PDB file of all heavy atoms in Angstrom:
ATOM      1  N   VAL A   1       8.232 -53.058  52.378  1.00  0.00           N
ATOM      2  CA  VAL A   1       7.515 -54.196  52.961  1.00  0.00           C
ATOM      3  C   VAL A   1       8.476 -55.132  53.679  1.00  0.00           C
ATOM      4  O   VAL A   1       8.204 -55.603  54.789  1.00  0.00           O
ATOM      5  CB  VAL A   1       6.744 -54.968  51.872  1.00  0.00           C
ATOM      6  CG1 VAL A   1       6.180 -56.268  52.440  1.00  0.00           C
ATOM      7  CG2 VAL A   1       5.611 -54.105  51.320  1.00  0.00           C
ATOM      8  N   GLU A   2       9.640 -55.394  53.053  1.00  0.00           N
ATOM      9  CA  GLU A   2      10.565 -56.388  53.585  1.00  0.00           C
ATOM     10  C   GLU A   2      11.418 -55.872  54.740  1.00  0.00           C
ATOM     11  O   GLU A   2      11.855 -56.661  55.580  1.00  0.00           O
ATOM     12  CB  GLU A   2      11.497 -56.886  52.460  1.00  0.00           C
ATOM     13  CG  GLU A   2      10.782 -57.473  51.262  1.00  0.00           C
ATOM     14  CD  GLU A   2       9.938 -58.686  51.624  1.00  0.00           C
ATOM     15  OE1 GLU A   2      10.196 -59.320  52.657  1.00  0.00           O
ATOM     16  OE2 GLU A   2       9.003 -58.999  50.855  1.00  0.00           O
ATOM     17  N   THR A   3      11.675 -54.559  54.796  1.00  0.00           N
ATOM     18  CA  THR A   3      12.619 -54.044  55.808  1.00  0.00           C
ATOM     19  C   THR A   3      12.009 -53.040  56.784  1.00  0.00           C
ATOM     20  O   THR A   3      12.698 -52.571  57.682  1.00  0.00           O
ATOM     21  CB  THR A   3      13.827 -53.384  55.124  1.00  0.00           C
ATOM     22  OG1 THR A   3      13.390 -52.204  54.423  1.00  0.00           O
ATOM     23  CG2 THR A   3      14.490 -54.342  54.148  1.00  0.00           C
ATOM     24  N   GLY A   4      10.727 -52.702  56.594  1.00  0.00           N
ATOM     25  CA  GLY A   4      10.118 -51.697  57.465  1.00  0.00           C
ATOM     26  C   GLY A   4      10.137 -52.080  58.935  1.00  0.00           C
ATOM     27  O   GLY A   4      10.145 -51.212  59.812  1.00  0.00           O
ATOM     28  N   TRP A   5      10.168 -53.375  59.242  1.00  0.00           N
ATOM     29  CA  TRP A   5      10.111 -53.842  60.633  1.00  0.00           C
ATOM     30  C   TRP A   5      11.243 -53.281  61.489  1.00  0.00           C
ATOM     31  O   TRP A   5      11.073 -53.044  62.682  1.00  0.00           O
ATOM     32  CB  TRP A   5      10.143 -55.373  60.669  1.00  0.00           C
ATOM     33  CG  TRP A   5      11.420 -55.964  60.152  1.00  0.00           C
ATOM     34  CD1 TRP A   5      11.673 -56.406  58.893  1.00  0.00           C
ATOM     35  CD2 TRP A   5      12.631 -56.176  60.888  1.00  0.00           C
ATOM     36  NE1 TRP A   5      12.958 -56.868  58.771  1.00  0.00           N
ATOM     37  CE2 TRP A   5      13.574 -56.739  60.003  1.00  0.00           C
ATOM     38  CE3 TRP A   5      13.023 -55.927  62.202  1.00  0.00           C
ATOM     39  CZ2 TRP A   5      14.872 -57.068  60.385  1.00  0.00           C
ATOM     40  CZ3 TRP A   5      14.317 -56.256  62.589  1.00  0.00           C
ATOM     41  CH2 TRP A   5      15.228 -56.813  61.694  1.00  0.00           C
ATOM     42  N   LYS A   6      12.446 -53.083  60.876  1.00  0.00           N
ATOM     43  CA  LYS A   6      13.587 -52.625  61.681  1.00  0.00           C
ATOM     44  C   LYS A   6      13.388 -51.197  62.192  1.00  0.00           C
ATOM     45  O   LYS A   6      14.039 -50.781  63.162  1.00  0.00           O
ATOM     46  CB  LYS A   6      14.892 -52.727  60.887  1.00  0.00           C
ATOM     47  CG  LYS A   6      15.173 -51.599  59.922  1.00  0.00           C
ATOM     48  CD  LYS A   6      16.496 -51.802  59.231  1.00  0.00           C
ATOM     49  CE  LYS A   6      16.829 -50.640  58.314  1.00  0.00           C
ATOM     50  NZ  LYS A   6      17.110 -49.389  59.038  1.00  0.00           N
ATOM     51  N   ASP A   7      12.482 -50.455  61.564  1.00  0.00           N
ATOM     52  CA  ASP A   7      12.150 -49.099  62.015  1.00  0.00           C
ATOM     53  C   ASP A   7      10.831 -49.074  62.771  1.00  0.00           C
ATOM     54  O   ASP A   7      10.244 -48.013  62.984  1.00  0.00           O
ATOM     55  CB  ASP A   7      12.074 -48.150  60.808  1.00  0.00           C
ATOM     56  CG  ASP A   7      13.403 -48.070  60.064  1.00  0.00           C
ATOM     57  OD1 ASP A   7      14.442 -47.952  60.731  1.00  0.00           O
ATOM     58  OD2 ASP A   7      13.386 -48.155  58.823  1.00  0.00           O
ATOM     59  N   GLY A   8      10.352 -50.263  63.162  1.00  0.00           N
ATOM     60  CA  GLY A   8       9.119 -50.346  63.939  1.00  0.00           C
ATOM     61  C   GLY A   8       7.865 -50.258  63.103  1.00  0.00           C
ATOM     62  O   GLY A   8       6.773 -50.032  63.643  1.00  0.00           O
ATOM     63  N   LYS A   9       7.973 -50.428  61.777  1.00  0.00           N
ATOM     64  CA  LYS A   9       6.807 -50.321  60.901  1.00  0.00           C
ATOM     65  C   LYS A   9       6.334 -51.696  60.438  1.00  0.00           C
ATOM     66  O   LYS A   9       7.133 -52.616  60.283  1.00  0.00           O
ATOM     67  CB  LYS A   9       7.143 -49.482  59.667  1.00  0.00           C
ATOM     68  CG  LYS A   9       7.544 -48.043  59.969  1.00  0.00           C
ATOM     69  CD  LYS A   9       7.895 -47.319  58.683  1.00  0.00           C
ATOM     70  CE  LYS A   9       8.340 -45.893  58.955  1.00  0.00           C
ATOM     71  NZ  LYS A   9       8.715 -45.194  57.704  1.00  0.00           N
ATOM     72  N   LEU A  10       5.047 -51.800  60.213  1.00  0.00           N
ATOM     73  CA  LEU A  10       4.464 -52.995  59.599  1.00  0.00           C
ATOM     74  C   LEU A  10       3.827 -52.547  58.287  1.00  0.00           C
ATOM     75  O   LEU A  10       2.825 -51.831  58.278  1.00  0.00           O
ATOM     76  CB  LEU A  10       3.418 -53.619  60.521  1.00  0.00           C
ATOM     77  CG  LEU A  10       3.959 -54.305  61.789  1.00  0.00           C
ATOM     78  CD1 LEU A  10       2.814 -54.661  62.726  1.00  0.00           C
ATOM     79  CD2 LEU A  10       4.739 -55.554  61.415  1.00  0.00           C
ATOM     80  N   VAL A  11       4.456 -52.949  57.175  1.00  0.00           N
ATOM     81  CA  VAL A  11       4.002 -52.511  55.858  1.00  0.00           C
ATOM     82  C   VAL A  11       3.463 -53.715  55.090  1.00  0.00           C
ATOM     83  O   VAL A  11       4.158 -54.720  54.913  1.00  0.00           O
ATOM     84  CB  VAL A  11       5.150 -51.860  55.058  1.00  0.00           C
ATOM     85  CG1 VAL A  11       4.642 -51.354  53.706  1.00  0.00           C
ATOM     86  CG2 VAL A  11       5.778 -50.716  55.863  1.00  0.00           C
ATOM     87  N   PHE A  12       2.210 -53.612  54.637  1.00  0.00           N
ATOM     88  CA  PHE A  12       1.571 -54.677  53.870  1.00  0.00           C
ATOM     89  C   PHE A  12       1.116 -54.126  52.526  1.00  0.00           C
ATOM     90  O   PHE A  12       0.470 -53.074  52.466  1.00  0.00           O
ATOM     91  CB  PHE A  12       0.359 -55.244  54.615  1.00  0.00           C
ATOM     92  CG  PHE A  12       0.687 -55.783  55.986  1.00  0.00           C
ATOM     93  CD1 PHE A  12       0.352 -55.060  57.128  1.00  0.00           C
ATOM     94  CD2 PHE A  12       1.335 -57.006  56.132  1.00  0.00           C
ATOM     95  CE1 PHE A  12       0.645 -55.543  58.386  1.00  0.00           C
ATOM     96  CE2 PHE A  12       1.632 -57.496  57.392  1.00  0.00           C
ATOM     97  CZ  PHE A  12       1.300 -56.768  58.524  1.00  0.00           C
ATOM     98  N   ARG A  13       1.463 -54.806  51.449  1.00  0.00           N
ATOM     99  CA  ARG A  13       1.035 -54.413  50.114  1.00  0.00           C
ATOM    100  C   ARG A  13       0.490 -55.651  49.399  1.00  0.00           C
ATOM    101  O   ARG A  13       1.250 -56.512  48.959  1.00  0.00           O
ATOM    102  CB  ARG A  13       2.204 -53.808  49.331  1.00  0.00           C
ATOM    103  CG  ARG A  13       2.726 -52.494  49.892  1.00  0.00           C
ATOM    104  CD  ARG A  13       1.693 -51.380  49.765  1.00  0.00           C
ATOM    105  NE  ARG A  13       2.212 -50.102  50.283  1.00  0.00           N
ATOM    106  CZ  ARG A  13       2.055 -49.687  51.539  1.00  0.00           C
ATOM    107  NH1 ARG A  13       1.396 -50.457  52.410  1.00  0.00           N
ATOM    108  NH2 ARG A  13       2.532 -48.533  51.928  1.00  0.00           N
ATOM    109  N   ARG A  14      -0.843 -55.741  49.351  1.00  0.00           N
ATOM    110  CA  ARG A  14      -1.530 -56.890  48.755  1.00  0.00           C
ATOM    111  C   ARG A  14      -0.985 -58.199  49.348  1.00  0.00           C
ATOM    112  O   ARG A  14      -0.716 -59.170  48.633  1.00  0.00           O
ATOM    113  CB  ARG A  14      -1.380 -56.888  47.227  1.00  0.00           C
ATOM    114  CG  ARG A  14      -2.047 -55.691  46.544  1.00  0.00           C
ATOM    115  CD  ARG A  14      -1.939 -55.800  45.033  1.00  0.00           C
ATOM    116  NE  ARG A  14      -2.645 -56.992  44.533  1.00  0.00           N
ATOM    117  CZ  ARG A  14      -3.939 -57.034  44.255  1.00  0.00           C
ATOM    118  NH1 ARG A  14      -4.699 -55.954  44.463  1.00  0.00           N
ATOM    119  NH2 ARG A  14      -4.495 -58.131  43.802  1.00  0.00           N
ATOM    120  N   SER A  15      -0.830 -58.188  50.648  1.00  0.00           N
ATOM    121  CA  SER A  15      -0.324 -59.363  51.365  1.00  0.00           C
ATOM    122  C   SER A  15      -1.479 -60.279  51.741  1.00  0.00           C
ATOM    123  O   SER A  15      -2.534 -59.807  52.176  1.00  0.00           O
ATOM    124  CB  SER A  15       0.418 -58.938  52.637  1.00  0.00           C
ATOM    125  OG  SER A  15       1.502 -58.088  52.350  1.00  0.00           O
ATOM    126  N   ASP A  16      -1.274 -61.584  51.576  1.00  0.00           N
ATOM    127  CA  ASP A  16      -2.324 -62.512  51.984  1.00  0.00           C
ATOM    128  C   ASP A  16      -2.412 -62.530  53.510  1.00  0.00           C
ATOM    129  O   ASP A  16      -1.450 -62.217  54.211  1.00  0.00           O
ATOM    130  CB  ASP A  16      -2.059 -63.909  51.430  1.00  0.00           C
ATOM    131  CG  ASP A  16      -0.760 -64.514  51.944  1.00  0.00           C
ATOM    132  OD1 ASP A  16      -0.701 -64.913  53.110  1.00  0.00           O
ATOM    133  OD2 ASP A  16       0.214 -64.569  51.159  1.00  0.00           O
ATOM    134  N   MET A  17      -3.572 -62.918  54.023  1.00  0.00           N
ATOM    135  CA  MET A  17      -3.814 -62.818  55.467  1.00  0.00           C
ATOM    136  C   MET A  17      -2.914 -63.741  56.287  1.00  0.00           C
ATOM    137  O   MET A  17      -2.625 -63.446  57.446  1.00  0.00           O
ATOM    138  CB  MET A  17      -5.288 -63.128  55.765  1.00  0.00           C
ATOM    139  CG  MET A  17      -6.234 -62.018  55.358  1.00  0.00           C
ATOM    140  SD  MET A  17      -5.808 -60.399  56.085  1.00  0.00           S
ATOM    141  CE  MET A  17      -6.007 -60.731  57.836  1.00  0.00           C
ATOM    142  N   MET A  18      -2.425 -64.811  55.699  1.00  0.00           N
ATOM    143  CA  MET A  18      -1.495 -65.669  56.416  1.00  0.00           C
ATOM    144  C   MET A  18      -0.218 -64.908  56.749  1.00  0.00           C
ATOM    145  O   MET A  18       0.319 -65.003  57.864  1.00  0.00           O
ATOM    146  CB  MET A  18      -1.161 -66.916  55.580  1.00  0.00           C
ATOM    147  CG  MET A  18      -2.242 -67.970  55.589  1.00  0.00           C
ATOM    148  SD  MET A  18      -2.497 -68.683  57.257  1.00  0.00           S
ATOM    149  CE  MET A  18      -0.924 -69.480  57.509  1.00  0.00           C
ATOM    150  N   ASN A  19       0.246 -64.119  55.780  1.00  0.00           N
ATOM    151  CA  ASN A  19       1.453 -63.318  56.006  1.00  0.00           C
ATOM    152  C   ASN A  19       1.174 -62.192  56.997  1.00  0.00           C
ATOM    153  O   ASN A  19       2.004 -61.882  57.868  1.00  0.00           O
ATOM    154  CB  ASN A  19       1.953 -62.747  54.673  1.00  0.00           C
ATOM    155  CG  ASN A  19       3.234 -61.958  54.835  1.00  0.00           C
ATOM    156  OD1 ASN A  19       4.183 -62.415  55.478  1.00  0.00           O
ATOM    157  ND2 ASN A  19       3.276 -60.773  54.263  1.00  0.00           N
ATOM    158  N   VAL A  20       0.001 -61.567  56.888  1.00  0.00           N
ATOM    159  CA  VAL A  20      -0.372 -60.498  57.816  1.00  0.00           C
ATOM    160  C   VAL A  20      -0.427 -61.026  59.244  1.00  0.00           C
ATOM    161  O   VAL A  20       0.134 -60.421  60.176  1.00  0.00           O
ATOM    162  CB  VAL A  20      -1.744 -59.897  57.422  1.00  0.00           C
ATOM    163  CG1 VAL A  20      -2.211 -58.906  58.488  1.00  0.00           C
ATOM    164  CG2 VAL A  20      -1.655 -59.204  56.063  1.00  0.00           C
ATOM    165  N   VAL A  21      -1.078 -62.153  59.424  1.00  0.00           N
ATOM    166  CA  VAL A  21      -1.213 -62.756  60.758  1.00  0.00           C
ATOM    167  C   VAL A  21       0.153 -63.149  61.332  1.00  0.00           C
ATOM    168  O   VAL A  21       0.434 -62.941  62.507  1.00  0.00           O
ATOM    169  CB  VAL A  21      -2.146 -63.980  60.678  1.00  0.00           C
ATOM    170  CG1 VAL A  21      -1.993 -64.851  61.909  1.00  0.00           C
ATOM    171  CG2 VAL A  21      -3.585 -63.534  60.518  1.00  0.00           C
ATOM    172  N   LYS A  22       0.994 -63.711  60.494  1.00  0.00           N
ATOM    173  CA  LYS A  22       2.327 -64.143  60.937  1.00  0.00           C
ATOM    174  C   LYS A  22       3.142 -62.956  61.455  1.00  0.00           C
ATOM    175  O   LYS A  22       3.764 -63.036  62.523  1.00  0.00           O
ATOM    176  CB  LYS A  22       3.050 -64.820  59.772  1.00  0.00           C
ATOM    177  CG  LYS A  22       4.472 -65.263  60.094  1.00  0.00           C
ATOM    178  CD  LYS A  22       5.126 -65.891  58.869  1.00  0.00           C
ATOM    179  CE  LYS A  22       5.339 -64.885  57.767  1.00  0.00           C
ATOM    180  NZ  LYS A  22       6.015 -65.464  56.579  1.00  0.00           N
ATOM    181  N   ARG A  23       3.124 -61.865  60.728  1.00  0.00           N
ATOM    182  CA  ARG A  23       3.939 -60.712  61.119  1.00  0.00           C
ATOM    183  C   ARG A  23       3.349 -59.980  62.325  1.00  0.00           C
ATOM    184  O   ARG A  23       4.092 -59.501  63.189  1.00  0.00           O
ATOM    185  CB  ARG A  23       4.080 -59.770  59.921  1.00  0.00           C
ATOM    186  CG  ARG A  23       4.917 -60.407  58.801  1.00  0.00           C
ATOM    187  CD  ARG A  23       4.964 -59.554  57.557  1.00  0.00           C
ATOM    188  NE  ARG A  23       5.577 -58.254  57.838  1.00  0.00           N
ATOM    189  CZ  ARG A  23       5.582 -57.245  56.969  1.00  0.00           C
ATOM    190  NH1 ARG A  23       4.972 -57.383  55.796  1.00  0.00           N
ATOM    191  NH2 ARG A  23       6.151 -56.108  57.267  1.00  0.00           N
ATOM    192  N   LEU A  24       2.020 -59.910  62.391  1.00  0.00           N
ATOM    193  CA  LEU A  24       1.399 -59.294  63.569  1.00  0.00           C
ATOM    194  C   LEU A  24       1.675 -60.124  64.825  1.00  0.00           C
ATOM    195  O   LEU A  24       1.961 -59.574  65.894  1.00  0.00           O
ATOM    196  CB  LEU A  24      -0.106 -59.157  63.357  1.00  0.00           C
ATOM    197  CG  LEU A  24      -0.575 -58.072  62.381  1.00  0.00           C
ATOM    198  CD1 LEU A  24      -2.089 -58.156  62.200  1.00  0.00           C
ATOM    199  CD2 LEU A  24      -0.183 -56.687  62.865  1.00  0.00           C
ATOM    200  N   SER A  25       1.605 -61.442  64.684  1.00  0.00           N
ATOM    201  CA  SER A  25       1.857 -62.327  65.822  1.00  0.00           C
ATOM    202  C   SER A  25       3.271 -62.141  66.343  1.00  0.00           C
ATOM    203  O   SER A  25       3.511 -62.074  67.557  1.00  0.00           O
ATOM    204  CB  SER A  25       1.645 -63.787  65.411  1.00  0.00           C
ATOM    205  OG  SER A  25       0.307 -64.014  65.034  1.00  0.00           O
ATOM    206  N   ARG A  26       4.236 -62.049  65.430  1.00  0.00           N
ATOM    207  CA  ARG A  26       5.636 -61.883  65.831  1.00  0.00           C
ATOM    208  C   ARG A  26       5.878 -60.511  66.447  1.00  0.00           C
ATOM    209  O   ARG A  26       6.581 -60.383  67.452  1.00  0.00           O
ATOM    210  CB  ARG A  26       6.530 -62.091  64.613  1.00  0.00           C
ATOM    211  CG  ARG A  26       8.028 -61.997  64.913  1.00  0.00           C
ATOM    212  CD  ARG A  26       8.822 -62.218  63.639  1.00  0.00           C
ATOM    213  NE  ARG A  26       8.532 -63.514  63.072  1.00  0.00           N
ATOM    214  CZ  ARG A  26       8.342 -63.745  61.770  1.00  0.00           C
ATOM    215  NH1 ARG A  26       8.365 -62.743  60.917  1.00  0.00           N
ATOM    216  NH2 ARG A  26       8.088 -64.954  61.344  1.00  0.00           N
ATOM    217  N   HIS A  27       5.294 -59.493  65.849  1.00  0.00           N
ATOM    218  CA  HIS A  27       5.533 -58.122  66.302  1.00  0.00           C
ATOM    219  C   HIS A  27       4.975 -57.871  67.696  1.00  0.00           C
ATOM    220  O   HIS A  27       5.592 -57.174  68.507  1.00  0.00           O
ATOM    221  CB  HIS A  27       4.904 -57.147  65.296  1.00  0.00           C
ATOM    222  CG  HIS A  27       5.243 -55.711  65.550  1.00  0.00           C
ATOM    223  ND1 HIS A  27       6.444 -55.156  65.166  1.00  0.00           N
ATOM    224  CD2 HIS A  27       4.538 -54.709  66.158  1.00  0.00           C
ATOM    225  CE1 HIS A  27       6.470 -53.883  65.524  1.00  0.00           C
ATOM    226  NE2 HIS A  27       5.320 -53.580  66.128  1.00  0.00           N
ATOM    227  N   PHE A  28       3.793 -58.442  67.974  1.00  0.00           N
ATOM    228  CA  PHE A  28       3.138 -58.182  69.259  1.00  0.00           C
ATOM    229  C   PHE A  28       3.208 -59.366  70.220  1.00  0.00           C
ATOM    230  O   PHE A  28       2.640 -59.307  71.321  1.00  0.00           O
ATOM    231  CB  PHE A  28       1.675 -57.792  69.021  1.00  0.00           C
ATOM    232  CG  PHE A  28       1.506 -56.455  68.351  1.00  0.00           C
ATOM    233  CD1 PHE A  28       1.172 -56.375  67.000  1.00  0.00           C
ATOM    234  CD2 PHE A  28       1.695 -55.277  69.059  1.00  0.00           C
ATOM    235  CE1 PHE A  28       1.013 -55.142  66.380  1.00  0.00           C
ATOM    236  CE2 PHE A  28       1.539 -54.034  68.447  1.00  0.00           C
ATOM    237  CZ  PHE A  28       1.199 -53.967  67.106  1.00  0.00           C
ATOM    238  N   ASN A  29       3.885 -60.425  69.808  1.00  0.00           N
ATOM    239  CA  ASN A  29       4.038 -61.615  70.658  1.00  0.00           C
ATOM    240  C   ASN A  29       2.668 -62.147  71.099  1.00  0.00           C
ATOM    241  O   ASN A  29       2.390 -62.325  72.283  1.00  0.00           O
ATOM    242  CB  ASN A  29       4.906 -61.301  71.885  1.00  0.00           C
ATOM    243  CG  ASN A  29       5.253 -62.555  72.671  1.00  0.00           C
ATOM    244  OD1 ASN A  29       5.292 -63.657  72.115  1.00  0.00           O
ATOM    245  ND2 ASN A  29       5.497 -62.411  73.967  1.00  0.00           N
ATOM    246  N   VAL A  30       1.814 -62.394  70.114  1.00  0.00           N
ATOM    247  CA  VAL A  30       0.483 -62.959  70.371  1.00  0.00           C
ATOM    248  C   VAL A  30       0.258 -64.131  69.418  1.00  0.00           C
ATOM    249  O   VAL A  30       0.998 -64.316  68.441  1.00  0.00           O
ATOM    250  CB  VAL A  30      -0.637 -61.915  70.178  1.00  0.00           C
ATOM    251  CG1 VAL A  30      -0.533 -60.803  71.214  1.00  0.00           C
ATOM    252  CG2 VAL A  30      -0.601 -61.336  68.751  1.00  0.00           C
ATOM    253  N   ASN A  31      -0.761 -64.901  69.679  1.00  0.00           N
ATOM    254  CA  ASN A  31      -1.119 -66.040  68.842  1.00  0.00           C
ATOM    255  C   ASN A  31      -2.395 -65.701  68.076  1.00  0.00           C
ATOM    256  O   ASN A  31      -3.493 -65.731  68.627  1.00  0.00           O
ATOM    257  CB  ASN A  31      -1.315 -67.283  69.710  1.00  0.00           C
ATOM    258  CG  ASN A  31      -1.732 -68.495  68.899  1.00  0.00           C
ATOM    259  OD1 ASN A  31      -1.610 -68.509  67.678  1.00  0.00           O
ATOM    260  ND2 ASN A  31      -2.242 -69.521  69.575  1.00  0.00           N
ATOM    261  N   ILE A  32      -2.227 -65.347  66.790  1.00  0.00           N
ATOM    262  CA  ILE A  32      -3.372 -64.975  65.963  1.00  0.00           C
ATOM    263  C   ILE A  32      -3.678 -66.128  65.004  1.00  0.00           C
ATOM    264  O   ILE A  32      -2.784 -66.604  64.298  1.00  0.00           O
ATOM    265  CB  ILE A  32      -3.119 -63.685  65.169  1.00  0.00           C
ATOM    266  CG1 ILE A  32      -2.729 -62.544  66.122  1.00  0.00           C
ATOM    267  CG2 ILE A  32      -4.337 -63.294  64.350  1.00  0.00           C
ATOM    268  CD1 ILE A  32      -2.415 -61.235  65.422  1.00  0.00           C
ATOM    269  N   GLN A  33      -4.914 -66.541  64.958  1.00  0.00           N
ATOM    270  CA  GLN A  33      -5.315 -67.654  64.102  1.00  0.00           C
ATOM    271  C   GLN A  33      -6.421 -67.224  63.149  1.00  0.00           C
ATOM    272  O   GLN A  33      -7.227 -66.346  63.482  1.00  0.00           O
ATOM    273  CB  GLN A  33      -5.794 -68.835  64.960  1.00  0.00           C
ATOM    274  CG  GLN A  33      -4.719 -69.409  65.874  1.00  0.00           C
ATOM    275  CD  GLN A  33      -5.236 -70.576  66.709  1.00  0.00           C
ATOM    276  OE1 GLN A  33      -6.395 -70.987  66.588  1.00  0.00           O
ATOM    277  NE2 GLN A  33      -4.375 -71.112  67.561  1.00  0.00           N
ATOM    278  N   LEU A  34      -6.420 -67.844  61.971  1.00  0.00           N
ATOM    279  CA  LEU A  34      -7.465 -67.591  60.973  1.00  0.00           C
ATOM    280  C   LEU A  34      -8.505 -68.697  61.040  1.00  0.00           C
ATOM    281  O   LEU A  34      -8.161 -69.884  61.131  1.00  0.00           O
ATOM    282  CB  LEU A  34      -6.866 -67.526  59.567  1.00  0.00           C
ATOM    283  CG  LEU A  34      -5.861 -66.402  59.294  1.00  0.00           C
ATOM    284  CD1 LEU A  34      -5.331 -66.516  57.867  1.00  0.00           C
ATOM    285  CD2 LEU A  34      -6.501 -65.038  59.506  1.00  0.00           C
ATOM    286  N   GLU A  35      -9.758 -68.310  60.965  1.00  0.00           N
ATOM    287  CA  GLU A  35     -10.840 -69.305  60.981  1.00  0.00           C
ATOM    288  C   GLU A  35     -11.661 -69.150  59.708  1.00  0.00           C
ATOM    289  O   GLU A  35     -12.259 -68.097  59.465  1.00  0.00           O
ATOM    290  CB  GLU A  35     -11.731 -69.098  62.211  1.00  0.00           C
ATOM    291  CG  GLU A  35     -12.730 -70.218  62.429  1.00  0.00           C
ATOM    292  CD  GLU A  35     -13.499 -70.030  63.735  1.00  0.00           C
ATOM    293  OE1 GLU A  35     -12.948 -70.359  64.800  1.00  0.00           O
ATOM    294  OE2 GLU A  35     -14.639 -69.529  63.681  1.00  0.00           O
ATOM    295  N   GLY A  36     -11.642 -70.195  58.877  1.00  0.00           N
ATOM    296  CA  GLY A  36     -12.370 -70.123  57.607  1.00  0.00           C
ATOM    297  C   GLY A  36     -11.402 -70.040  56.437  1.00  0.00           C
ATOM    298  O   GLY A  36     -10.553 -69.144  56.391  1.00  0.00           O
ATOM    299  N   LYS A  37     -11.501 -70.980  55.469  1.00  0.00           N
ATOM    300  CA  LYS A  37     -10.568 -71.036  54.353  1.00  0.00           C
ATOM    301  C   LYS A  37     -10.640 -69.807  53.465  1.00  0.00           C
ATOM    302  O   LYS A  37      -9.662 -69.416  52.818  1.00  0.00           O
ATOM    303  CB  LYS A  37     -10.855 -72.303  53.518  1.00  0.00           C
ATOM    304  CG  LYS A  37     -10.512 -73.589  54.250  1.00  0.00           C
ATOM    305  CD  LYS A  37     -10.740 -74.797  53.337  1.00  0.00           C
ATOM    306  CE  LYS A  37     -10.367 -76.086  54.058  1.00  0.00           C
ATOM    307  NZ  LYS A  37     -10.575 -77.280  53.200  1.00  0.00           N
TER     308      LYS A  37
END
């Protein structure tokens, strides 16, 4: 999960959506926002 990015992988294991959104945004250079608590 912590190092997969260096090989081009995005690995999530019971990750909260804030963390998922943050890593997807960085990986694809986009602005992803969550709507709804």
